[in-house]
Protein backbone atom coordinates (compact mmCIF):
# COMPACT_ATOMS: atom_id res chain seq x y z
CA MET A 1 0.00 0.00 0.00
CA ASP A 2 2.87 2.37 0.81
CA ALA A 3 4.45 1.85 -2.61
CA LEU A 4 1.36 3.09 -4.44
CA ILE A 5 1.20 6.14 -2.16
CA GLU A 6 4.80 6.93 -3.07
CA ASP A 7 3.89 6.72 -6.76
CA PHE A 8 1.04 9.16 -6.17
CA LEU A 9 3.21 11.61 -4.22
CA PHE A 10 5.84 11.43 -6.98
CA HIS A 11 3.05 12.28 -9.45
CA LEU A 12 2.07 15.30 -7.33
CA ARG A 13 5.65 16.53 -7.13
CA HIS A 14 6.88 16.04 -10.67
CA GLU A 15 3.81 16.02 -12.89
CA ARG A 16 1.28 18.19 -11.08
CA GLY A 17 3.87 20.55 -9.56
CA GLN A 18 1.98 20.61 -6.27
CA ALA A 19 3.39 22.64 -3.39
CA GLU A 20 5.56 20.91 -0.81
CA ASN A 21 2.95 21.60 1.88
CA THR A 22 0.26 19.84 -0.17
CA GLN A 23 2.48 16.79 -0.58
CA ARG A 24 3.21 16.64 3.15
CA THR A 25 -0.47 17.05 4.01
CA TYR A 26 -1.56 14.28 1.64
CA ALA A 27 1.20 11.97 2.91
CA ALA A 28 -0.02 12.48 6.50
CA GLN A 29 -3.64 11.69 5.49
CA PHE A 30 -2.66 8.45 3.76
CA LYS A 31 -0.48 7.39 6.67
CA LYS A 32 -3.56 7.59 8.91
CA PHE A 33 -5.72 5.70 6.46
CA VAL A 34 -3.19 2.89 5.93
CA ALA A 35 -2.80 2.44 9.69
CA TRP A 36 -6.60 2.31 10.05
CA ALA A 37 -6.92 -0.14 7.15
CA GLN A 38 -4.23 -2.50 8.41
CA GLU A 39 -5.92 -2.69 11.82
CA ARG A 40 -8.91 -4.10 9.93
CA GLY A 41 -6.90 -6.64 7.95
CA LEU A 42 -6.71 -4.66 4.70
CA THR A 43 -3.28 -5.13 3.12
CA ASP A 44 -3.97 -4.23 -0.52
CA TRP A 45 -5.70 -1.24 -2.15
CA LYS A 46 -7.78 -3.69 -4.20
CA GLN A 47 -9.52 -4.71 -0.97
CA VAL A 48 -10.65 -1.17 -0.16
CA THR A 49 -14.33 -0.47 -0.83
CA THR A 50 -16.44 2.68 -0.73
CA GLN A 51 -17.84 1.55 2.62
CA HIS A 52 -14.35 1.33 4.07
CA LEU A 53 -13.72 4.94 3.02
CA ILE A 54 -17.02 6.07 4.52
CA ASP A 55 -16.25 4.29 7.81
CA PHE A 56 -12.81 5.89 7.98
CA LEU A 57 -14.15 9.38 7.22
CA GLU A 58 -16.92 9.06 9.80
CA LEU A 59 -14.37 8.04 12.41
CA GLU A 60 -12.17 10.98 11.48
CA ARG A 61 -15.10 13.39 11.51
CA ASP A 62 -16.09 12.39 15.05
CA ARG A 63 -12.54 12.41 16.35
CA LYS A 64 -11.58 15.36 18.51
CA PRO A 65 -8.89 17.23 16.56
CA ALA A 66 -6.86 18.36 19.58
CA ALA A 67 -6.72 17.86 23.31
CA ASN A 68 -7.10 21.59 23.93
CA ARG A 69 -10.41 21.87 22.07
CA PRO A 70 -13.33 22.60 24.41
CA GLY A 71 -16.23 20.24 25.04
CA ASN A 72 -17.04 17.63 22.43
CA ALA A 73 -15.80 19.62 19.46
CA LYS A 74 -15.66 17.58 16.27
CA MET A 75 -13.26 17.97 13.41
CA SER A 76 -14.00 21.02 11.26
CA SER A 77 -15.65 20.65 7.87
CA SER A 78 -12.44 22.01 6.29
CA SER A 79 -10.41 19.15 7.79
CA VAL A 80 -12.93 16.55 6.62
CA TYR A 81 -12.94 18.22 3.19
CA LEU A 82 -9.17 17.81 3.00
CA ARG A 83 -9.37 14.09 3.78
CA VAL A 84 -12.07 13.48 1.16
CA ALA A 85 -10.18 15.51 -1.44
CA ALA A 86 -6.97 13.54 -0.78
CA LEU A 87 -8.75 10.17 -1.17
CA ARG A 88 -10.55 11.26 -4.34
CA ALA A 89 -7.32 12.51 -5.92
CA PHE A 90 -5.44 9.34 -5.02
CA PHE A 91 -8.03 6.89 -6.37
CA ARG A 92 -8.55 8.98 -9.51
CA PHE A 93 -4.79 8.67 -10.09
CA THR A 94 -4.80 4.89 -9.53
CA GLU A 95 -7.73 4.40 -11.91
CA GLN A 96 -6.31 6.64 -14.66
CA ASN A 97 -2.99 4.77 -14.53
CA ASN A 98 -4.64 1.31 -14.41
CA PHE A 99 -3.23 0.49 -10.98
CA LEU A 100 -6.77 -0.31 -9.81
CA ALA A 101 -9.73 -1.48 -11.88
CA SER A 102 -12.27 0.70 -10.10
CA ASN A 103 -12.46 3.91 -8.07
CA PRO A 104 -14.11 3.42 -4.64
CA ALA A 105 -13.90 7.17 -3.96
CA ALA A 106 -15.78 8.18 -7.11
CA ASN A 107 -19.05 8.80 -5.27
CA LEU A 108 -17.62 10.46 -2.17
CA SER A 109 -19.08 13.95 -1.89
CA LEU A 110 -17.08 16.88 -0.59
CA PRO A 111 -18.60 18.54 2.49
CA ARG A 112 -19.52 22.20 2.43
CA ARG A 113 -16.82 24.44 3.84
CA ALA A 114 -17.81 27.52 5.77
CA LYS A 115 -16.35 30.62 4.16
CA ARG A 116 -14.14 32.47 6.59
CA LEU A 117 -13.34 36.04 5.71
CA PRO A 118 -9.61 36.78 5.87
CA LYS A 119 -8.46 38.94 8.75
CA ASP A 120 -6.37 41.95 7.92
CA LEU A 121 -4.50 44.71 9.72
CA THR A 122 -5.32 48.40 9.77
CA ASN A 123 -2.99 50.95 8.20
CA ALA A 124 -1.98 52.08 11.70
CA GLU A 125 -1.14 48.51 12.73
CA ILE A 126 0.92 48.01 9.57
CA ALA A 127 2.85 51.21 10.30
CA GLN A 128 3.47 49.99 13.86
CA ILE A 129 4.73 46.60 12.69
CA LEU A 130 7.01 48.07 10.03
CA ARG A 131 8.57 50.63 12.36
CA PRO A 132 12.34 49.86 12.36
CA LEU A 133 13.92 48.52 15.53
CA PRO A 134 16.48 50.65 17.38
CA THR A 135 19.08 47.92 16.81
CA ASP A 136 20.55 47.18 13.38
CA THR A 137 21.93 43.69 13.89
CA PRO A 138 21.97 41.43 10.81
CA SER A 139 19.03 39.42 12.15
CA ALA A 140 17.01 42.55 12.92
CA LEU A 141 17.60 43.90 9.41
CA CYS A 142 16.64 40.50 8.00
CA ASP A 143 13.36 40.56 9.95
CA GLN A 144 12.67 44.10 8.75
CA ALA A 145 13.26 43.14 5.13
CA ILE A 146 10.98 40.08 5.45
CA LEU A 147 8.12 42.13 6.87
CA GLU A 148 8.53 44.92 4.34
CA LEU A 149 8.49 42.51 1.40
CA ALA A 150 5.60 40.46 2.81
CA TYR A 151 3.36 43.51 2.98
CA ALA A 152 4.73 45.27 -0.12
CA SER A 153 4.18 42.29 -2.43
CA GLY A 154 1.75 39.94 -0.67
CA LEU A 155 4.03 36.92 -0.78
CA ARG A 156 3.12 33.65 0.88
CA LEU A 157 5.31 32.36 3.69
CA SER A 158 6.74 29.62 1.44
CA GLU A 159 7.48 32.18 -1.27
CA LEU A 160 9.38 34.38 1.18
CA LYS A 161 11.32 31.35 2.42
CA ASP A 162 12.31 30.17 -1.06
CA LEU A 163 12.93 33.55 -2.71
CA ARG A 164 16.37 33.62 -4.34
CA LEU A 165 18.68 36.56 -4.95
CA GLU A 166 18.41 36.25 -8.74
CA GLN A 167 14.64 36.68 -8.47
CA LEU A 168 15.02 40.19 -7.04
CA HIS A 169 15.29 43.05 -9.52
CA LEU A 170 15.60 45.98 -7.16
CA ASP A 171 16.77 48.52 -9.75
CA GLU A 172 13.58 47.87 -11.73
CA GLY A 173 11.44 47.53 -8.60
CA PHE A 174 10.01 44.03 -9.01
CA SER A 175 10.56 40.39 -8.15
CA THR A 176 9.74 37.16 -9.95
CA VAL A 177 8.02 34.69 -7.64
CA ILE A 178 7.49 30.94 -7.99
CA GLY A 179 4.09 30.22 -6.45
CA LYS A 180 1.78 27.24 -6.11
CA GLY A 181 1.99 24.74 -8.93
CA ASN A 182 5.41 26.17 -9.88
CA LYS A 183 3.67 29.10 -11.55
CA GLU A 184 5.85 32.17 -12.01
CA ARG A 185 4.49 35.68 -11.57
CA VAL A 186 5.97 39.17 -11.49
CA VAL A 187 5.27 41.24 -8.36
CA PRO A 188 6.17 44.94 -7.99
CA ILE A 189 8.12 46.15 -4.94
CA HIS A 190 7.59 49.75 -3.84
CA ARG A 191 10.42 52.18 -3.16
CA LEU A 192 10.46 51.94 0.65
CA ALA A 193 10.65 48.14 0.57
CA VAL A 194 13.39 48.30 -2.07
CA GLU A 195 15.46 50.54 0.20
CA VAL A 196 15.09 48.16 3.17
CA LEU A 197 15.92 45.12 1.02
CA ARG A 198 18.95 46.80 -0.49
CA ARG A 199 20.27 47.74 2.96
CA TYR A 200 19.76 44.18 4.21
CA ILE A 201 21.44 42.59 1.17
CA ASP A 202 24.37 45.03 1.13
CA THR A 203 25.17 45.29 4.84
CA ALA A 204 23.47 42.49 6.80
CA ARG A 205 23.25 39.41 4.60
CA PRO A 206 27.05 39.17 4.02
CA LYS A 207 27.45 38.83 7.81
CA LEU A 208 25.02 35.91 7.85
CA VAL A 209 26.54 34.03 4.92
CA SER A 210 28.57 30.89 5.60
CA ALA A 211 30.46 28.58 3.26
CA LYS A 212 27.37 26.41 2.79
CA SER A 213 24.76 29.17 2.57
CA PRO A 214 22.23 28.74 -0.27
CA GLY A 215 21.34 31.54 -2.67
CA VAL A 216 18.07 32.43 -0.97
CA VAL A 217 17.51 36.04 0.06
CA PHE A 218 16.72 35.49 3.73
CA LEU A 219 19.12 33.59 5.99
CA THR A 220 19.06 32.49 9.62
CA LYS A 221 21.76 33.43 12.14
CA ARG A 222 23.59 30.21 11.13
CA GLY A 223 23.52 31.18 7.45
CA THR A 224 20.98 28.52 6.51
CA GLN A 225 17.66 28.75 4.72
CA PHE A 226 14.68 29.28 7.01
CA ALA A 227 12.44 26.35 7.75
CA ARG A 228 8.79 27.29 7.40
CA GLU A 229 8.16 27.02 11.15
CA THR A 230 11.27 29.06 12.01
CA LEU A 231 10.30 31.85 9.64
CA TRP A 232 6.76 31.85 11.04
CA GLY A 233 8.18 32.16 14.57
CA ARG A 234 10.52 35.02 13.63
CA ILE A 235 7.68 37.02 12.09
CA LYS A 236 5.39 36.37 15.05
CA ARG A 237 8.05 37.46 17.56
CA ARG A 238 8.75 40.64 15.64
CA ILE A 239 5.03 41.48 15.50
CA ARG A 240 4.67 40.90 19.27
CA TYR A 241 7.70 43.12 19.86
CA SER A 242 6.01 45.91 17.89
CA GLY A 243 3.30 46.06 20.55
CA ILE A 244 0.38 44.61 18.58
CA GLU A 245 -1.66 42.74 21.19
CA ARG A 246 -4.10 40.75 19.06
CA ASN A 247 -3.07 37.45 17.52
CA VAL A 248 -1.45 38.23 14.16
CA THR A 249 -0.41 35.49 11.78
CA PRO A 250 2.18 36.01 9.01
CA HIS A 251 -0.55 35.30 6.44
CA MET A 252 -2.45 38.38 7.66
CA LEU A 253 0.22 40.54 6.02
CA ARG A 254 -0.75 38.97 2.67
CA HIS A 255 -4.45 39.53 3.42
CA SER A 256 -3.74 43.15 4.37
CA PHE A 257 -1.83 43.67 1.11
CA ALA A 258 -4.85 42.52 -0.92
CA THR A 259 -7.50 44.29 1.16
CA HIS A 260 -5.70 47.63 1.20
CA LEU A 261 -5.17 47.47 -2.58
CA LEU A 262 -8.88 46.84 -3.15
CA GLU A 263 -9.92 49.57 -0.72
CA ASN A 264 -7.78 52.05 -2.63
CA GLY A 265 -9.34 51.22 -5.99
CA ALA A 266 -7.22 48.38 -7.42
CA ASP A 267 -8.88 46.12 -9.98
CA LEU A 268 -9.76 42.65 -8.66
CA ARG A 269 -8.14 40.94 -11.67
CA VAL A 270 -4.87 42.75 -10.97
CA ILE A 271 -5.01 41.65 -7.32
CA GLN A 272 -5.61 38.08 -8.53
CA GLU A 273 -2.42 38.24 -10.59
CA LEU A 274 -0.40 39.77 -7.77
CA LEU A 275 -1.53 37.11 -5.29
CA GLY A 276 -0.98 34.26 -7.75
CA HIS A 277 -4.55 32.93 -7.48
CA SER A 278 -5.45 30.56 -10.30
CA SER A 279 -9.15 31.42 -9.96
CA ILE A 280 -10.80 34.82 -9.54
CA ALA A 281 -13.26 33.13 -7.16
CA THR A 282 -10.46 32.81 -4.60
CA THR A 283 -9.72 36.53 -4.83
CA GLU A 284 -13.38 37.56 -4.62
CA VAL A 285 -13.40 36.87 -0.89
CA TYR A 286 -11.80 40.31 -0.48
CA THR A 287 -14.87 42.01 -1.93
CA HIS A 288 -16.82 40.66 1.07
CA VAL A 289 -14.23 42.14 3.42
CA THR A 290 -14.58 45.62 1.98
CA SER A 291 -18.39 45.34 1.74
CA GLY A 292 -18.43 44.52 5.44
CA ARG A 293 -16.41 47.62 6.16
CA LEU A 294 -18.78 49.74 4.12
CA ARG A 295 -21.70 48.48 6.20
CA GLU A 296 -19.78 49.13 9.40
CA VAL A 297 -19.02 52.72 8.37
CA HIS A 298 -22.65 53.21 7.31
CA ARG A 299 -23.97 52.01 10.68
CA LYS A 300 -21.48 54.15 12.55
CA PHE A 301 -21.92 57.43 10.72
CA HIS A 302 -25.36 57.49 9.09
CA PRO A 303 -27.73 59.47 11.32
CA ARG A 304 -30.59 56.98 10.91
CA ALA A 305 -28.52 53.79 11.09
CA ARG A 306 -28.00 53.89 14.87
């Protein structure tokens, strides 16, 4: 069973160009399913039926996702959706490549996912976060450059982590970015962010470089590439240090980038291109954010809305 999973993950990596995070997530889902199946005496994918998949998904749905969840909280619809999507993709692959004669996941329906509006930061909060630190150590300048670029260009955490020096074109004010599905896009960088990046690259990065340092833009204190979790932690610590009390995730900088562009009149199609969304439907969530703000302002200031 593990061998066929490896074939599928190889297909995701080299033929579909799926992101590393997607591959890891799918691998974790299949590891759970194989363990569950083997406990029930299933040792071959040919033995797996639709009912087996339903039983597994029902067990997963009713399982508490974490010990710190209150009460009898069940797994979220988004988590169940991910498990169904992984199984459907896997069995579609096995059927298309004649590894299995039939597809037991063909009739599995995807659950509805509740739409959660992205949280963003106010202009004042952004200014507070991007205020330079009094110290100018290499690590501090690195953090400053990461934050400036994240908000200036709306890059994902993985895109920040993997960004290479040759992708930066500071004289021209843009960067090429490799996003999900290995799709390349061009993202502008405004003047203030260019200045911070140039200072980091010219004065701080050389002090972080070691003999084995890769060609990525942002380096740790040891001169290595950031792991996703390490970069997440660095950004979170810097945001806490700025004095912002509410819980701010690194992804909120990307959401703020998109929301602030739309609020200032940017075209939704342009924002789609800048974010690297393959579908305009993904970008349209930001129209709900700004509509909500319009209603809030209307209630607050219209004399008859109180």
